PDB file of N, CA and C in Angstrom:
ATOM      1  N   MET A   1     -25.833  61.795  50.559  1.00  0.00           N
ATOM      2  CA  MET A   1     -24.880  60.705  50.837  1.00  0.00           C
ATOM      3  C   MET A   1     -25.283  59.942  52.028  1.00  0.00           C
ATOM      4  N   PHE A   2     -25.678  60.661  53.052  1.00  0.00           N
ATOM      5  CA  PHE A   2     -26.112  59.912  54.332  1.00  0.00           C
ATOM      6  C   PHE A   2     -27.375  59.195  54.079  1.00  0.00           C
ATOM      7  N   ASP A   3     -28.255  59.633  53.271  1.00  0.00           N
ATOM      8  CA  ASP A   3     -29.465  58.850  52.892  1.00  0.00           C
ATOM      9  C   ASP A   3     -29.182  57.518  52.256  1.00  0.00           C
ATOM     10  N   LEU A   4     -28.169  57.570  51.391  1.00  0.00           N
ATOM     11  CA  LEU A   4     -27.647  56.336  50.722  1.00  0.00           C
ATOM     12  C   LEU A   4     -27.106  55.377  51.691  1.00  0.00           C
ATOM     13  N   ILE A   5     -26.364  55.833  52.675  1.00  0.00           N
ATOM     14  CA  ILE A   5     -25.724  54.994  53.691  1.00  0.00           C
ATOM     15  C   ILE A   5     -26.774  54.396  54.674  1.00  0.00           C
ATOM     16  N   LYS A   6     -27.847  55.152  54.957  1.00  0.00           N
ATOM     17  CA  LYS A   6     -28.893  54.848  55.880  1.00  0.00           C
ATOM     18  C   LYS A   6     -29.761  53.713  55.055  1.00  0.00           C
ATOM     19  N   ARG A   7     -29.980  53.876  53.838  1.00  0.00           N
ATOM     20  CA  ARG A   7     -30.762  52.832  53.168  1.00  0.00           C
ATOM     21  C   ARG A   7     -29.987  51.601  52.947  1.00  0.00           C
ATOM     22  N   PHE A   8     -28.736  51.647  52.754  1.00  0.00           N
ATOM     23  CA  PHE A   8     -27.844  50.538  52.636  1.00  0.00           C
ATOM     24  C   PHE A   8     -27.758  49.714  54.012  1.00  0.00           C
ATOM     25  N   HIS A   9     -27.769  50.467  55.028  1.00  0.00           N
ATOM     26  CA  HIS A   9     -27.633  49.831  56.352  1.00  0.00           C
ATOM     27  C   HIS A   9     -28.949  49.123  56.781  1.00  0.00           C
ATOM     28  N   LYS A  10     -30.146  49.699  56.294  1.00  0.00           N
ATOM     29  CA  LYS A  10     -31.407  49.081  56.599  1.00  0.00           C
ATOM     30  C   LYS A  10     -31.812  48.039  55.507  1.00  0.00           C
ATOM     31  N   ASP A  11     -31.184  47.869  54.400  1.00  0.00           N
ATOM     32  CA  ASP A  11     -31.452  46.886  53.386  1.00  0.00           C
ATOM     33  C   ASP A  11     -31.041  45.506  53.895  1.00  0.00           C
ATOM     34  N   GLU A  12     -32.010  44.565  53.967  1.00  0.00           N
ATOM     35  CA  GLU A  12     -31.681  43.190  54.494  1.00  0.00           C
ATOM     36  C   GLU A  12     -31.989  42.155  53.320  1.00  0.00           C
ATOM     37  N   SER A  13     -31.959  42.522  52.097  1.00  0.00           N
ATOM     38  CA  SER A  13     -32.318  41.623  51.114  1.00  0.00           C
ATOM     39  C   SER A  13     -31.319  40.522  50.840  1.00  0.00           C
ATOM     40  N   GLY A  14     -30.065  40.738  51.157  1.00  0.00           N
ATOM     41  CA  GLY A  14     -29.054  39.652  51.039  1.00  0.00           C
ATOM     42  C   GLY A  14     -28.933  38.764  52.288  1.00  0.00           C
ATOM     43  N   ALA A  15     -29.498  39.221  53.343  1.00  0.00           N
ATOM     44  CA  ALA A  15     -29.374  38.506  54.637  1.00  0.00           C
ATOM     45  C   ALA A  15     -30.022  37.079  54.659  1.00  0.00           C
ATOM     46  N   VAL A  16     -31.107  36.932  53.892  1.00  0.00           N
ATOM     47  CA  VAL A  16     -31.794  35.649  53.851  1.00  0.00           C
ATOM     48  C   VAL A  16     -30.812  34.721  52.989  1.00  0.00           C
ATOM     49  N   THR A  17     -30.214  35.188  52.007  1.00  0.00           N
ATOM     50  CA  THR A  17     -29.377  34.359  51.227  1.00  0.00           C
ATOM     51  C   THR A  17     -28.229  33.795  51.983  1.00  0.00           C
ATOM     52  N   VAL A  18     -27.648  34.648  52.771  1.00  0.00           N
ATOM     53  CA  VAL A  18     -26.537  34.363  53.720  1.00  0.00           C
ATOM     54  C   VAL A  18     -26.903  33.264  54.603  1.00  0.00           C
ATOM     55  N   ASP A  19     -28.115  33.432  55.255  1.00  0.00           N
ATOM     56  CA  ASP A  19     -28.630  32.444  56.152  1.00  0.00           C
ATOM     57  C   ASP A  19     -28.794  31.099  55.496  1.00  0.00           C
ATOM     58  N   TRP A  20     -29.369  31.012  54.351  1.00  0.00           N
ATOM     59  CA  TRP A  20     -29.583  29.829  53.662  1.00  0.00           C
ATOM     60  C   TRP A  20     -28.180  29.121  53.214  1.00  0.00           C
ATOM     61  N   VAL A  21     -27.205  29.960  52.773  1.00  0.00           N
ATOM     62  CA  VAL A  21     -25.844  29.445  52.550  1.00  0.00           C
ATOM     63  C   VAL A  21     -25.250  28.815  53.832  1.00  0.00           C
ATOM     64  N   VAL A  22     -25.306  29.472  54.965  1.00  0.00           N
ATOM     65  CA  VAL A  22     -24.826  29.014  56.162  1.00  0.00           C
ATOM     66  C   VAL A  22     -25.536  27.657  56.614  1.00  0.00           C
ATOM     67  N   LEU A  23     -26.912  27.683  56.581  1.00  0.00           N
ATOM     68  CA  LEU A  23     -27.618  26.422  56.872  1.00  0.00           C
ATOM     69  C   LEU A  23     -27.367  25.362  55.997  1.00  0.00           C
ATOM     70  N   THR A  24     -27.126  25.573  54.672  1.00  0.00           N
ATOM     71  CA  THR A  24     -26.741  24.496  53.738  1.00  0.00           C
ATOM     72  C   THR A  24     -25.328  23.859  54.028  1.00  0.00           C
ATOM     73  N   ALA A  25     -24.495  24.878  54.336  1.00  0.00           N
ATOM     74  CA  ALA A  25     -23.185  24.494  54.728  1.00  0.00           C
ATOM     75  C   ALA A  25     -23.108  23.514  55.968  1.00  0.00           C
ATOM     76  N   ALA A  26     -23.956  23.922  56.932  1.00  0.00           N
ATOM     77  CA  ALA A  26     -23.972  23.169  58.149  1.00  0.00           C
ATOM     78  C   ALA A  26     -24.560  21.722  57.843  1.00  0.00           C
ATOM     79  N   ILE A  27     -25.624  21.642  57.015  1.00  0.00           N
ATOM     80  CA  ILE A  27     -26.149  20.315  56.710  1.00  0.00           C
ATOM     81  C   ILE A  27     -25.239  19.518  56.007  1.00  0.00           C
ATOM     82  N   VAL A  28     -24.523  20.072  55.053  1.00  0.00           N
ATOM     83  CA  VAL A  28     -23.444  19.338  54.307  1.00  0.00           C
ATOM     84  C   VAL A  28     -22.370  18.784  55.174  1.00  0.00           C
ATOM     85  N   GLY A  29     -21.948  19.679  56.136  1.00  0.00           N
ATOM     86  CA  GLY A  29     -20.924  19.299  57.124  1.00  0.00           C
ATOM     87  C   GLY A  29     -21.361  18.207  58.041  1.00  0.00           C
ATOM     88  N   LEU A  30     -22.571  18.341  58.477  1.00  0.00           N
ATOM     89  CA  LEU A  30     -23.197  17.100  59.295  1.00  0.00           C
ATOM     90  C   LEU A  30     -23.278  15.824  58.497  1.00  0.00           C
ATOM     91  N   GLY A  31     -23.593  15.924  57.223  1.00  0.00           N
ATOM     92  CA  GLY A  31     -23.658  14.722  56.445  1.00  0.00           C
ATOM     93  C   GLY A  31     -22.364  14.110  56.280  1.00  0.00           C
ATOM     94  N   ILE A  32     -21.316  14.911  56.066  1.00  0.00           N
ATOM     95  CA  ILE A  32     -19.986  14.394  55.959  1.00  0.00           C
ATOM     96  C   ILE A  32     -19.477  13.737  57.263  1.00  0.00           C
ATOM     97  N   ALA A  33     -19.792  14.340  58.285  1.00  0.00           N
ATOM     98  CA  ALA A  33     -19.411  13.877  59.618  1.00  0.00           C
ATOM     99  C   ALA A  33     -20.099  12.482  59.811  1.00  0.00           C
ATOM    100  N   VAL A  34     -21.331  12.456  59.498  1.00  0.00           N
ATOM    101  CA  VAL A  34     -22.092  11.098  59.756  1.00  0.00           C
ATOM    102  C   VAL A  34     -21.474  10.035  58.902  1.00  0.00           C
ATOM    103  N   LEU A  35     -21.139  10.376  57.622  1.00  0.00           N
ATOM    104  CA  LEU A  35     -20.670   9.408  56.759  1.00  0.00           C
ATOM    105  C   LEU A  35     -19.271   8.935  57.149  1.00  0.00           C
ATOM    106  N   ALA A  36     -18.516   9.826  57.730  1.00  0.00           N
ATOM    107  CA  ALA A  36     -17.198   9.508  58.239  1.00  0.00           C
ATOM    108  C   ALA A  36     -17.276   8.507  59.473  1.00  0.00           C
ATOM    109  N   SER A  37     -18.219   8.804  60.310  1.00  0.00           N
ATOM    110  CA  SER A  37     -18.443   7.964  61.575  1.00  0.00           C
ATOM    111  C   SER A  37     -18.965   6.726  61.250  1.00  0.00           C
ATOM    112  N   VAL A  38     -19.778   6.514  60.220  1.00  0.00           N
ATOM    113  CA  VAL A  38     -20.463   5.242  59.934  1.00  0.00           C
ATOM    114  C   VAL A  38     -19.649   4.369  59.011  1.00  0.00           C
ATOM    115  N   ARG A  39     -18.634   4.920  58.340  1.00  0.00           N
ATOM    116  CA  ARG A  39     -18.054   4.295  57.283  1.00  0.00           C
ATOM    117  C   ARG A  39     -17.436   2.964  57.651  1.00  0.00           C
ATOM    118  N   THR A  40     -16.670   2.846  58.739  1.00  0.00           N
ATOM    119  CA  THR A  40     -16.097   1.603  59.064  1.00  0.00           C
ATOM    120  C   THR A  40     -17.097   0.497  59.389  1.00  0.00           C
ATOM    121  N   GLY A  41     -18.148   0.824  60.048  1.00  0.00           N
ATOM    122  CA  GLY A  41     -19.187  -0.099  60.395  1.00  0.00           C
ATOM    123  C   GLY A  41     -19.861  -0.678  59.096  1.00  0.00           C
ATOM    124  N   VAL A  42     -20.135   0.219  58.139  1.00  0.00           N
ATOM    125  CA  VAL A  42     -20.709  -0.232  56.880  1.00  0.00           C
ATOM    126  C   VAL A  42     -19.773  -1.097  56.074  1.00  0.00           C
ATOM    127  N   GLU A  43     -18.407  -0.741  56.113  1.00  0.00           N
ATOM    128  CA  GLU A  43     -17.428  -1.647  55.360  1.00  0.00           C
ATOM    129  C   GLU A  43     -17.462  -3.029  56.068  1.00  0.00           C
ATOM    130  N   ASP A  44     -17.393  -3.150  57.450  1.00  0.00           N
ATOM    131  CA  ASP A  44     -17.478  -4.371  58.154  1.00  0.00           C
ATOM    132  C   ASP A  44     -18.676  -5.208  57.728  1.00  0.00           C
ATOM    133  N   VAL A  45     -19.794  -4.704  57.737  1.00  0.00           N
ATOM    134  CA  VAL A  45     -21.057  -5.439  57.322  1.00  0.00           C
ATOM    135  C   VAL A  45     -20.977  -5.838  55.896  1.00  0.00           C
ATOM    136  N   ALA A  46     -20.396  -4.918  55.049  1.00  0.00           N
ATOM    137  CA  ALA A  46     -20.402  -5.332  53.633  1.00  0.00           C
ATOM    138  C   ALA A  46     -19.378  -6.484  53.365  1.00  0.00           C
ATOM    139  N   GLY A  47     -18.319  -6.459  54.234  1.00  0.00           N
ATOM    140  CA  GLY A  47     -17.329  -7.740  54.072  1.00  0.00           C
ATOM    141  C   GLY A  47     -17.982  -8.920  54.626  1.00  0.00           C
ATOM    142  N   LYS A  48     -18.778  -8.796  55.692  1.00  0.00           N
ATOM    143  CA  LYS A  48     -19.485 -10.073  56.066  1.00  0.00           C
ATOM    144  C   LYS A  48     -20.561 -10.622  55.102  1.00  0.00           C
ATOM    145  N   ILE A  49     -21.216  -9.642  54.548  1.00  0.00           N
ATOM    146  CA  ILE A  49     -22.145 -10.073  53.521  1.00  0.00           C
ATOM    147  C   ILE A  49     -21.440 -10.696  52.225  1.00  0.00           C
ATOM    148  N   GLU A  50     -20.342 -10.070  51.867  1.00  0.00           N
ATOM    149  CA  GLU A  50     -19.619 -10.625  50.790  1.00  0.00           C
ATOM    150  C   GLU A  50     -19.117 -12.033  51.032  1.00  0.00           C
ATOM    151  N   SER A  51     -18.599 -12.257  52.239  1.00  0.00           N
ATOM    152  CA  SER A  51     -18.123 -13.581  52.591  1.00  0.00           C
ATOM    153  C   SER A  51     -19.233 -14.613  52.749  1.00  0.00           C
ATOM    154  N   ALA A  52     -20.350 -14.181  53.262  1.00  0.00           N
ATOM    155  CA  ALA A  52     -21.616 -15.124  53.272  1.00  0.00           C
ATOM    156  C   ALA A  52     -22.093 -15.485  51.818  1.00  0.00           C
ATOM    157  N   LEU A  53     -22.108 -14.557  50.969  1.00  0.00           N
ATOM    158  CA  LEU A  53     -22.543 -14.866  49.614  1.00  0.00           C
ATOM    159  C   LEU A  53     -21.507 -15.679  48.763  1.00  0.00           C
ATOM    160  N   THR A  54     -20.183 -15.414  49.127  1.00  0.00           N
ATOM    161  CA  THR A  54     -19.195 -16.212  48.407  1.00  0.00           C
ATOM    162  C   THR A  54     -19.350 -17.640  48.792  1.00  0.00           C
ATOM    163  N   SER A  55     -19.509 -17.932  50.040  1.00  0.00           N
ATOM    164  CA  SER A  55     -19.554 -19.323  50.561  1.00  0.00           C
ATOM    165  C   SER A  55     -20.912 -19.955  50.344  1.00  0.00           C
ATOM    166  N   ALA A  56     -21.868 -19.281  49.885  1.00  0.00           N
ATOM    167  CA  ALA A  56     -23.153 -19.870  49.782  1.00  0.00           C
ATOM    168  C   ALA A  56     -23.191 -20.744  48.518  1.00  0.00           C
ATOM    169  N   GLU A  57     -24.000 -21.783  48.651  1.00  0.00           N
ATOM    170  CA  GLU A  57     -24.278 -22.739  47.509  1.00  0.00           C
ATOM    171  C   GLU A  57     -25.714 -22.722  47.057  1.00  0.00           C
ATOM    172  N   VAL A  58     -25.942 -22.932  45.815  1.00  0.00           N
ATOM    173  CA  VAL A  58     -27.206 -22.939  45.280  1.00  0.00           C
ATOM    174  C   VAL A  58     -27.828 -24.368  45.294  1.00  0.00           C
ATOM    175  N   GLY A  59     -28.930 -24.493  46.058  1.00  0.00           N
ATOM    176  CA  GLY A  59     -29.527 -25.820  46.111  1.00  0.00           C
ATOM    177  C   GLY A  59     -30.441 -26.163  44.954  1.00  0.00           C
ATOM    178  N   THR A  60     -30.743 -27.418  44.697  1.00  0.00           N
ATOM    179  CA  THR A  60     -31.669 -27.706  43.687  1.00  0.00           C
ATOM    180  C   THR A  60     -33.071 -27.961  44.260  1.00  0.00           C
ATOM    181  N   LEU A  61     -33.968 -27.763  43.479  1.00  0.00           N
ATOM    182  CA  LEU A  61     -35.458 -28.016  44.002  1.00  0.00           C
ATOM    183  C   LEU A  61     -35.848 -29.380  43.655  1.00  0.00           C
ATOM    184  N   GLY A  62     -36.676 -29.989  44.495  1.00  0.00           N
ATOM    185  CA  GLY A  62     -37.230 -31.265  44.159  1.00  0.00           C
ATOM    186  C   GLY A  62     -38.339 -31.139  43.119  1.00  0.00           C
ATOM    187  N   LYS A  63     -38.827 -32.369  42.826  1.00  0.00           N
ATOM    188  CA  LYS A  63     -39.909 -32.431  41.904  1.00  0.00           C
ATOM    189  C   LYS A  63     -41.159 -31.812  42.347  1.00  0.00           C
ATOM    190  N   LEU A  64     -41.749 -30.912  41.503  1.00  0.00           N
ATOM    191  CA  LEU A  64     -42.940 -30.191  41.896  1.00  0.00           C
ATOM    192  C   LEU A  64     -44.169 -31.006  41.360  1.00  0.00           C
ATOM    193  N   ASN A  65     -45.190 -31.167  42.194  1.00  0.00           N
ATOM    194  CA  ASN A  65     -46.338 -31.930  41.703  1.00  0.00           C
ATOM    195  C   ASN A  65     -47.441 -30.958  41.220  1.00  0.00           C
TER     196      ASN A  65
END
């Protein structure tokens, strides 16, 4: 019984998986935080682009030789 407990205590096969899960969760969390902080600026720029394109007029080309 003690040998089984010692082997279980020394076994680290799942530790790498836990590390990757924690690392992935941290990356996803940082991505969400970046998107939340940039969101208003992107919406402002998108609104300015929309108004510029809405008020733009298409010009005609002159005669090409």
